[in-house]
Amino acid sequence: MAEQRSAVAEPGTLGDIMGQVARALRHEHADVEGTLQTITTAAVQSVPGAEDGGISYVIARKKVESRAWTGDLAHDADRLQSRVREGPCLDALWTGQIVRIDDMTSETRWPRFAAEAARLGVRSCLSFQLFVEHDCLGALNLYSRSPQAFGAESEEIGTVFASHAAVALSGAQTEANLRRAMTSRDVLGQAKGILMERYKLTSDQAFHTLTRASQQANRKIIDLAEELCETGSMPG
């Protein structure tokens, strides 16, 4: 993780922090995973009291994923919340409020999570809702091995940071979606071209052929098109 931590230099003011993060996001990473990693690395460096951090995704309001952690402490704590289905991250996701635990050993809101987190070495944590997009939610989680690690300044900087990071992450996701859409369109075009040439079909006929094959095989049409382009054979 040392290489990731070098993405953002030690900041001075909050303006310095956001300027350096913006430059890191613009120049170092073009993909979603890279953006997530830059966000968590910069947050751990910037928010007073933070020693480790990660981002949790909740997909379709059911599946919880831990992503872009900066160390084992964050990874284990994020996965713990997913396993026991309670904790500050999940509350931050659903309510949009900042959620803070000052000392795991005296925390009563999430007793199962708090007890197991304390055994992992987590003594305090801070969670921010990062984004809400359709059925996908995200939260930024920061952890410390010391009790009372986070205060009002941590919440203030973390809030500004999470707001800017959410915009950057949304942009990266949009760019990734556009890339996938363009790639899918190209693959479908190539697959149609193969069928048109081989069987003397029109463009519409080739597309309907792919659609029928997709329905019969119960597979996505883009997967069939990729296989046709790679192997030269239509599945089924």
C-alpha atoms as a PDB file:
ATOM      1  CA  MET A   1       0.000   0.000   0.000  1.00  0.00           C
ATOM      2  CA  ALA A   2       2.996   2.334   0.242  1.00  0.00           C
ATOM      3  CA  GLU A   3       2.795   3.061  -3.464  1.00  0.00           C
ATOM      4  CA  GLN A   4      -0.861   4.075  -3.162  1.00  0.00           C
ATOM      5  CA  ARG A   5      -0.108   6.409  -0.257  1.00  0.00           C
ATOM      6  CA  SER A   6       2.307   8.378  -2.424  1.00  0.00           C
ATOM      7  CA  ALA A   7      -0.548   9.399  -4.729  1.00  0.00           C
ATOM      8  CA  VAL A   8      -1.372  12.330  -2.444  1.00  0.00           C
ATOM      9  CA  ALA A   9       1.334  14.248  -0.621  1.00  0.00           C
ATOM     10  CA  GLU A  10       0.981  15.343   2.966  1.00  0.00           C
ATOM     11  CA  PRO A  11      -1.560  18.197   2.792  1.00  0.00           C
ATOM     12  CA  GLY A  12      -1.697  21.526   4.560  1.00  0.00           C
ATOM     13  CA  THR A  13      -5.076  23.267   4.368  1.00  0.00           C
ATOM     14  CA  LEU A  14      -8.326  21.668   3.263  1.00  0.00           C
ATOM     15  CA  GLY A  15      -7.932  23.493  -0.043  1.00  0.00           C
ATOM     16  CA  ASP A  16      -4.527  21.853  -0.476  1.00  0.00           C
ATOM     17  CA  ILE A  17      -6.090  18.483   0.262  1.00  0.00           C
ATOM     18  CA  MET A  18      -8.816  18.767  -2.347  1.00  0.00           C
ATOM     19  CA  GLY A  19      -6.455  20.250  -4.938  1.00  0.00           C
ATOM     20  CA  GLN A  20      -4.016  17.376  -4.563  1.00  0.00           C
ATOM     21  CA  VAL A  21      -6.793  14.785  -4.623  1.00  0.00           C
ATOM     22  CA  ALA A  22      -8.286  16.328  -7.765  1.00  0.00           C
ATOM     23  CA  ARG A  23      -4.900  16.226  -9.507  1.00  0.00           C
ATOM     24  CA  ALA A  24      -4.326  12.631  -8.420  1.00  0.00           C
ATOM     25  CA  LEU A  25      -7.730  11.562  -9.686  1.00  0.00           C
ATOM     26  CA  ARG A  26      -7.276  13.382 -12.983  1.00  0.00           C
ATOM     27  CA  HIS A  27      -3.763  12.255 -13.799  1.00  0.00           C
ATOM     28  CA  GLU A  28      -3.199   8.921 -12.110  1.00  0.00           C
ATOM     29  CA  HIS A  29      -6.388   6.932 -12.559  1.00  0.00           C
ATOM     30  CA  ALA A  30      -8.965   6.652 -15.314  1.00  0.00           C
ATOM     31  CA  ASP A  31     -10.833   3.615 -13.982  1.00  0.00           C
ATOM     32  CA  VAL A  32     -13.307   3.222 -11.139  1.00  0.00           C
ATOM     33  CA  GLU A  33     -11.101   0.993  -8.981  1.00  0.00           C
ATOM     34  CA  GLY A  34      -8.202   3.425  -9.255  1.00  0.00           C
ATOM     35  CA  THR A  35     -10.489   6.294  -8.277  1.00  0.00           C
ATOM     36  CA  LEU A  36     -11.762   4.370  -5.250  1.00  0.00           C
ATOM     37  CA  GLN A  37      -8.209   3.618  -4.115  1.00  0.00           C
ATOM     38  CA  THR A  38      -7.134   7.254  -4.474  1.00  0.00           C
ATOM     39  CA  ILE A  39     -10.176   8.363  -2.453  1.00  0.00           C
ATOM     40  CA  THR A  40      -9.498   6.043   0.477  1.00  0.00           C
ATOM     41  CA  THR A  41      -5.750   6.687   0.499  1.00  0.00           C
ATOM     42  CA  ALA A  42      -6.242  10.463   0.503  1.00  0.00           C
ATOM     43  CA  ALA A  43      -8.961  10.254   3.162  1.00  0.00           C
ATOM     44  CA  VAL A  44      -6.717   8.329   5.543  1.00  0.00           C
ATOM     45  CA  GLN A  45      -3.968  10.909   5.027  1.00  0.00           C
ATOM     46  CA  SER A  46      -6.310  13.881   5.374  1.00  0.00           C
ATOM     47  CA  VAL A  47      -8.843  13.162   8.120  1.00  0.00           C
ATOM     48  CA  PRO A  48      -7.445  13.662  11.644  1.00  0.00           C
ATOM     49  CA  GLY A  49      -7.321  10.410  13.587  1.00  0.00           C
ATOM     50  CA  ALA A  50      -7.692   8.056  10.606  1.00  0.00           C
ATOM     51  CA  GLU A  51      -5.260   5.136  10.439  1.00  0.00           C
ATOM     52  CA  ASP A  52      -7.016   2.931   7.897  1.00  0.00           C
ATOM     53  CA  GLY A  53      -9.960   3.197   5.537  1.00  0.00           C
ATOM     54  CA  GLY A  54     -12.130   1.525   2.949  1.00  0.00           C
ATOM     55  CA  ILE A  55     -15.240   1.922   0.830  1.00  0.00           C
ATOM     56  CA  SER A  56     -18.302  -0.305   1.115  1.00  0.00           C
ATOM     57  CA  TYR A  57     -20.786  -0.842  -1.707  1.00  0.00           C
ATOM     58  CA  VAL A  58     -24.329  -2.065  -1.191  1.00  0.00           C
ATOM     59  CA  ILE A  59     -25.674  -3.405  -4.473  1.00  0.00           C
ATOM     60  CA  ALA A  60     -29.429  -3.814  -5.045  1.00  0.00           C
ATOM     61  CA  ARG A  61     -29.828  -3.053  -1.318  1.00  0.00           C
ATOM     62  CA  LYS A  62     -28.703  -6.595  -0.482  1.00  0.00           C
ATOM     63  CA  LYS A  63     -25.105  -7.438  -1.303  1.00  0.00           C
ATOM     64  CA  VAL A  64     -22.384  -5.612   0.644  1.00  0.00           C
ATOM     65  CA  GLU A  65     -18.895  -5.412  -0.897  1.00  0.00           C
ATOM     66  CA  SER A  66     -15.690  -4.121   0.691  1.00  0.00           C
ATOM     67  CA  ARG A  67     -13.486  -2.309  -1.825  1.00  0.00           C
ATOM     68  CA  ALA A  68     -10.346  -0.170  -1.995  1.00  0.00           C
ATOM     69  CA  TRP A  69      -9.183  -0.698   1.573  1.00  0.00           C
ATOM     70  CA  THR A  70      -5.842   0.749   2.627  1.00  0.00           C
ATOM     71  CA  GLY A  71      -4.965  -2.039   5.054  1.00  0.00           C
ATOM     72  CA  ASP A  72      -6.129  -5.206   6.771  1.00  0.00           C
ATOM     73  CA  LEU A  73      -7.842  -3.360   9.621  1.00  0.00           C
ATOM     74  CA  ALA A  74     -10.291  -1.625   7.272  1.00  0.00           C
ATOM     75  CA  HIS A  75     -10.777  -4.713   5.125  1.00  0.00           C
ATOM     76  CA  ASP A  76     -11.594  -6.920   8.115  1.00  0.00           C
ATOM     77  CA  ALA A  77     -13.880  -4.316   9.731  1.00  0.00           C
ATOM     78  CA  ASP A  78     -15.798  -3.701   6.490  1.00  0.00           C
ATOM     79  CA  ARG A  79     -16.267  -7.421   5.920  1.00  0.00           C
ATOM     80  CA  LEU A  80     -17.376  -7.823   9.532  1.00  0.00           C
ATOM     81  CA  GLN A  81     -20.216  -5.334   9.024  1.00  0.00           C
ATOM     82  CA  SER A  82     -21.280  -7.245   5.926  1.00  0.00           C
ATOM     83  CA  ARG A  83     -21.232 -10.554   7.808  1.00  0.00           C
ATOM     84  CA  VAL A  84     -23.120  -9.461  10.939  1.00  0.00           C
ATOM     85  CA  ARG A  85     -25.355  -7.074   8.940  1.00  0.00           C
ATOM     86  CA  GLU A  86     -24.999  -4.226  11.413  1.00  0.00           C
ATOM     87  CA  GLY A  87     -22.593  -1.390  12.080  1.00  0.00           C
ATOM     88  CA  PRO A  88     -21.888   2.320  11.492  1.00  0.00           C
ATOM     89  CA  CYS A  89     -21.198   1.894   7.771  1.00  0.00           C
ATOM     90  CA  LEU A  90     -24.641   0.412   7.103  1.00  0.00           C
ATOM     91  CA  ASP A  91     -26.353   3.167   9.100  1.00  0.00           C
ATOM     92  CA  ALA A  92     -24.393   5.835   7.187  1.00  0.00           C
ATOM     93  CA  LEU A  93     -25.458   4.192   3.925  1.00  0.00           C
ATOM     94  CA  TRP A  94     -29.163   4.111   4.705  1.00  0.00           C
ATOM     95  CA  THR A  95     -29.558   7.383   6.626  1.00  0.00           C
ATOM     96  CA  GLY A  96     -27.028   9.642   4.881  1.00  0.00           C
ATOM     97  CA  GLN A  97     -25.815  10.792   8.334  1.00  0.00           C
ATOM     98  CA  ILE A  98     -22.255  10.829   9.654  1.00  0.00           C
ATOM     99  CA  VAL A  99     -21.894   7.908  12.053  1.00  0.00           C
ATOM    100  CA  ARG A 100     -19.132   7.885  14.665  1.00  0.00           C
ATOM    101  CA  ILE A 101     -18.036   5.383  17.297  1.00  0.00           C
ATOM    102  CA  ASP A 102     -15.726   6.816  19.940  1.00  0.00           C
ATOM    103  CA  ASP A 103     -14.927   3.557  21.729  1.00  0.00           C
ATOM    104  CA  MET A 104     -15.882   0.068  20.586  1.00  0.00           C
ATOM    105  CA  THR A 105     -15.616  -1.303  24.121  1.00  0.00           C
ATOM    106  CA  SER A 106     -18.512   0.881  25.315  1.00  0.00           C
ATOM    107  CA  GLU A 107     -20.596   1.011  22.097  1.00  0.00           C
ATOM    108  CA  THR A 108     -24.211  -0.203  22.560  1.00  0.00           C
ATOM    109  CA  ARG A 109     -25.911   0.611  19.231  1.00  0.00           C
ATOM    110  CA  TRP A 110     -24.340  -2.331  17.381  1.00  0.00           C
ATOM    111  CA  PRO A 111     -23.269  -4.727  20.149  1.00  0.00           C
ATOM    112  CA  ARG A 112     -22.285  -7.673  17.963  1.00  0.00           C
ATOM    113  CA  PHE A 113     -20.260  -5.561  15.552  1.00  0.00           C
ATOM    114  CA  ALA A 114     -18.612  -3.549  18.339  1.00  0.00           C
ATOM    115  CA  ALA A 115     -17.500  -6.600  20.278  1.00  0.00           C
ATOM    116  CA  GLU A 116     -15.976  -8.330  17.260  1.00  0.00           C
ATOM    117  CA  ALA A 117     -14.435  -5.103  15.898  1.00  0.00           C
ATOM    118  CA  ALA A 118     -12.712  -4.505  19.238  1.00  0.00           C
ATOM    119  CA  ARG A 119     -11.206  -7.985  19.002  1.00  0.00           C
ATOM    120  CA  LEU A 120      -9.902  -7.087  15.537  1.00  0.00           C
ATOM    121  CA  GLY A 121      -8.136  -4.058  17.050  1.00  0.00           C
ATOM    122  CA  VAL A 122     -10.593  -1.321  16.003  1.00  0.00           C
ATOM    123  CA  ARG A 123     -11.324   1.121  18.826  1.00  0.00           C
ATOM    124  CA  SER A 124     -13.025   3.994  16.948  1.00  0.00           C
ATOM    125  CA  CYS A 125     -14.455   4.646  13.504  1.00  0.00           C
ATOM    126  CA  LEU A 126     -16.138   7.241  11.326  1.00  0.00           C
ATOM    127  CA  SER A 127     -18.475   6.565   8.373  1.00  0.00           C
ATOM    128  CA  PHE A 128     -19.802   8.872   5.624  1.00  0.00           C
ATOM    129  CA  GLN A 129     -22.325   8.186   2.913  1.00  0.00           C
ATOM    130  CA  LEU A 130     -20.392   8.575  -0.320  1.00  0.00           C
ATOM    131  CA  PHE A 131     -23.063   8.254  -2.982  1.00  0.00           C
ATOM    132  CA  VAL A 132     -26.514   6.933  -3.823  1.00  0.00           C
ATOM    133  CA  GLU A 133     -27.037   5.884  -7.426  1.00  0.00           C
ATOM    134  CA  HIS A 134     -30.147   3.893  -8.336  1.00  0.00           C
ATOM    135  CA  ASP A 135     -29.948   0.718  -6.210  1.00  0.00           C
ATOM    136  CA  CYS A 136     -26.237   1.106  -5.474  1.00  0.00           C
ATOM    137  CA  LEU A 137     -25.036   2.885  -2.332  1.00  0.00           C
ATOM    138  CA  GLY A 138     -21.548   3.595  -1.090  1.00  0.00           C
ATOM    139  CA  ALA A 139     -19.915   4.656   2.172  1.00  0.00           C
ATOM    140  CA  LEU A 140     -16.438   5.784   3.167  1.00  0.00           C
ATOM    141  CA  ASN A 141     -15.283   4.156   6.410  1.00  0.00           C
ATOM    142  CA  LEU A 142     -12.322   5.340   8.483  1.00  0.00           C
ATOM    143  CA  TYR A 143     -10.847   3.399  11.399  1.00  0.00           C
ATOM    144  CA  SER A 144      -8.411   3.890  14.264  1.00  0.00           C
ATOM    145  CA  ARG A 145      -6.767   1.608  16.808  1.00  0.00           C
ATOM    146  CA  SER A 146      -7.145   4.330  19.451  1.00  0.00           C
ATOM    147  CA  PRO A 147     -10.343   5.328  21.287  1.00  0.00           C
ATOM    148  CA  GLN A 148     -11.685   8.873  20.861  1.00  0.00           C
ATOM    149  CA  ALA A 149      -9.616   9.248  17.674  1.00  0.00           C
ATOM    150  CA  PHE A 150     -12.177  11.333  15.759  1.00  0.00           C
ATOM    151  CA  GLY A 151     -13.615  14.734  16.642  1.00  0.00           C
ATOM    152  CA  ALA A 152     -15.504  17.633  15.101  1.00  0.00           C
ATOM    153  CA  GLU A 153     -12.585  18.510  12.810  1.00  0.00           C
ATOM    154  CA  SER A 154     -12.493  14.931  11.517  1.00  0.00           C
ATOM    155  CA  GLU A 155     -16.190  15.095  10.701  1.00  0.00           C
ATOM    156  CA  GLU A 156     -15.850  18.491   9.005  1.00  0.00           C
ATOM    157  CA  ILE A 157     -12.931  17.490   6.792  1.00  0.00           C
ATOM    158  CA  GLY A 158     -14.432  14.073   6.094  1.00  0.00           C
ATOM    159  CA  THR A 159     -17.748  15.601   4.998  1.00  0.00           C
ATOM    160  CA  VAL A 160     -16.112  17.966   2.505  1.00  0.00           C
ATOM    161  CA  PHE A 161     -13.843  15.208   1.329  1.00  0.00           C
ATOM    162  CA  ALA A 162     -16.678  12.706   0.824  1.00  0.00           C
ATOM    163  CA  SER A 163     -18.723  15.246  -1.145  1.00  0.00           C
ATOM    164  CA  HIS A 164     -15.891  15.971  -3.577  1.00  0.00           C
ATOM    165  CA  ALA A 165     -14.920  12.316  -3.782  1.00  0.00           C
ATOM    166  CA  ALA A 166     -18.488  11.319  -4.660  1.00  0.00           C
ATOM    167  CA  VAL A 167     -18.439  13.690  -7.642  1.00  0.00           C
ATOM    168  CA  ALA A 168     -15.111  12.285  -8.831  1.00  0.00           C
ATOM    169  CA  LEU A 169     -16.315   8.720  -8.411  1.00  0.00           C
ATOM    170  CA  SER A 170     -19.538   9.439 -10.299  1.00  0.00           C
ATOM    171  CA  GLY A 171     -17.490  10.828 -13.185  1.00  0.00           C
ATOM    172  CA  ALA A 172     -15.274   7.744 -13.251  1.00  0.00           C
ATOM    173  CA  GLN A 173     -18.304   5.438 -13.230  1.00  0.00           C
ATOM    174  CA  THR A 174     -19.914   7.385 -16.080  1.00  0.00           C
ATOM    175  CA  GLU A 175     -16.714   7.155 -18.119  1.00  0.00           C
ATOM    176  CA  ALA A 176     -16.464   3.419 -17.449  1.00  0.00           C
ATOM    177  CA  ASN A 177     -20.092   2.922 -18.485  1.00  0.00           C
ATOM    178  CA  LEU A 178     -19.474   4.812 -21.717  1.00  0.00           C
ATOM    179  CA  ARG A 179     -16.424   2.676 -22.461  1.00  0.00           C
ATOM    180  CA  ARG A 180     -18.423  -0.508 -21.893  1.00  0.00           C
ATOM    181  CA  ALA A 181     -21.251   0.754 -24.096  1.00  0.00           C
ATOM    182  CA  MET A 182     -18.844   1.618 -26.926  1.00  0.00           C
ATOM    183  CA  THR A 183     -17.103  -1.745 -26.622  1.00  0.00           C
ATOM    184  CA  SER A 184     -20.438  -3.578 -26.665  1.00  0.00           C
ATOM    185  CA  ARG A 185     -21.555  -1.683 -29.737  1.00  0.00           C
ATOM    186  CA  ASP A 186     -18.319  -2.543 -31.566  1.00  0.00           C
ATOM    187  CA  VAL A 187     -18.573  -6.236 -30.649  1.00  0.00           C
ATOM    188  CA  LEU A 188     -22.201  -6.437 -31.767  1.00  0.00           C
ATOM    189  CA  GLY A 189     -21.269  -4.750 -35.040  1.00  0.00           C
ATOM    190  CA  GLN A 190     -18.467  -7.243 -35.664  1.00  0.00           C
ATOM    191  CA  ALA A 191     -20.720 -10.206 -34.841  1.00  0.00           C
ATOM    192  CA  LYS A 192     -23.434  -8.945 -37.178  1.00  0.00           C
ATOM    193  CA  GLY A 193     -20.839  -8.457 -39.906  1.00  0.00           C
ATOM    194  CA  ILE A 194     -19.706 -12.086 -39.568  1.00  0.00           C
ATOM    195  CA  LEU A 195     -23.278 -13.363 -39.894  1.00  0.00           C
ATOM    196  CA  MET A 196     -24.090 -11.011 -42.779  1.00  0.00           C
ATOM    197  CA  GLU A 197     -21.040 -12.159 -44.735  1.00  0.00           C
ATOM    198  CA  ARG A 198     -21.369 -15.854 -43.950  1.00  0.00           C
ATOM    199  CA  TYR A 199     -25.116 -16.239 -44.462  1.00  0.00           C
ATOM    200  CA  LYS A 200     -25.863 -13.291 -46.761  1.00  0.00           C
ATOM    201  CA  LEU A 201     -28.140 -11.678 -44.208  1.00  0.00           C
ATOM    202  CA  THR A 202     -29.245  -8.078 -43.845  1.00  0.00           C
ATOM    203  CA  SER A 203     -28.221  -6.119 -40.731  1.00  0.00           C
ATOM    204  CA  ASP A 204     -31.674  -6.614 -39.163  1.00  0.00           C
ATOM    205  CA  GLN A 205     -31.667 -10.336 -39.944  1.00  0.00           C
ATOM    206  CA  ALA A 206     -28.236 -10.752 -38.377  1.00  0.00           C
ATOM    207  CA  PHE A 207     -29.362  -8.948 -35.238  1.00  0.00           C
ATOM    208  CA  HIS A 208     -32.511 -11.086 -34.977  1.00  0.00           C
ATOM    209  CA  THR A 209     -30.352 -14.196 -35.375  1.00  0.00           C
ATOM    210  CA  LEU A 210     -28.222 -13.095 -32.418  1.00  0.00           C
ATOM    211  CA  THR A 211     -31.360 -12.280 -30.405  1.00  0.00           C
ATOM    212  CA  ARG A 212     -32.908 -15.711 -31.038  1.00  0.00           C
ATOM    213  CA  ALA A 213     -29.648 -17.460 -30.131  1.00  0.00           C
ATOM    214  CA  SER A 214     -29.464 -15.391 -26.934  1.00  0.00           C
ATOM    215  CA  GLN A 215     -32.989 -16.406 -25.915  1.00  0.00           C
ATOM    216  CA  GLN A 216     -32.475 -20.078 -26.751  1.00  0.00           C
ATOM    217  CA  ALA A 217     -29.170 -20.283 -24.891  1.00  0.00           C
ATOM    218  CA  ASN A 218     -30.415 -18.080 -22.031  1.00  0.00           C
ATOM    219  CA  ARG A 219     -27.279 -15.952 -22.326  1.00  0.00           C
ATOM    220  CA  LYS A 220     -26.677 -12.247 -22.776  1.00  0.00           C
ATOM    221  CA  ILE A 221     -26.517 -11.217 -26.414  1.00  0.00           C
ATOM    222  CA  ILE A 222     -23.187  -9.420 -25.874  1.00  0.00           C
ATOM    223  CA  ASP A 223     -21.654 -12.652 -24.500  1.00  0.00           C
ATOM    224  CA  LEU A 224     -22.766 -14.571 -27.598  1.00  0.00           C
ATOM    225  CA  ALA A 225     -21.449 -11.815 -29.850  1.00  0.00           C
ATOM    226  CA  GLU A 226     -18.046 -11.895 -28.106  1.00  0.00           C
ATOM    227  CA  GLU A 227     -17.841 -15.677 -28.493  1.00  0.00           C
ATOM    228  CA  LEU A 228     -18.769 -15.441 -32.168  1.00  0.00           C
ATOM    229  CA  CYS A 229     -16.067 -12.821 -32.742  1.00  0.00           C
ATOM    230  CA  GLU A 230     -13.448 -14.841 -30.874  1.00  0.00           C
ATOM    231  CA  THR A 231     -14.219 -18.327 -32.238  1.00  0.00           C
ATOM    232  CA  GLY A 232     -15.997 -17.657 -35.515  1.00  0.00           C
ATOM    233  CA  SER A 233     -18.782 -20.030 -34.440  1.00  0.00           C
ATOM    234  CA  MET A 234     -22.270 -19.224 -33.265  1.00  0.00           C
ATOM    235  CA  PRO A 235     -23.062 -21.064 -30.002  1.00  0.00           C
ATOM    236  CA  GLY A 236     -25.938 -23.474 -30.570  1.00  0.00           C
END
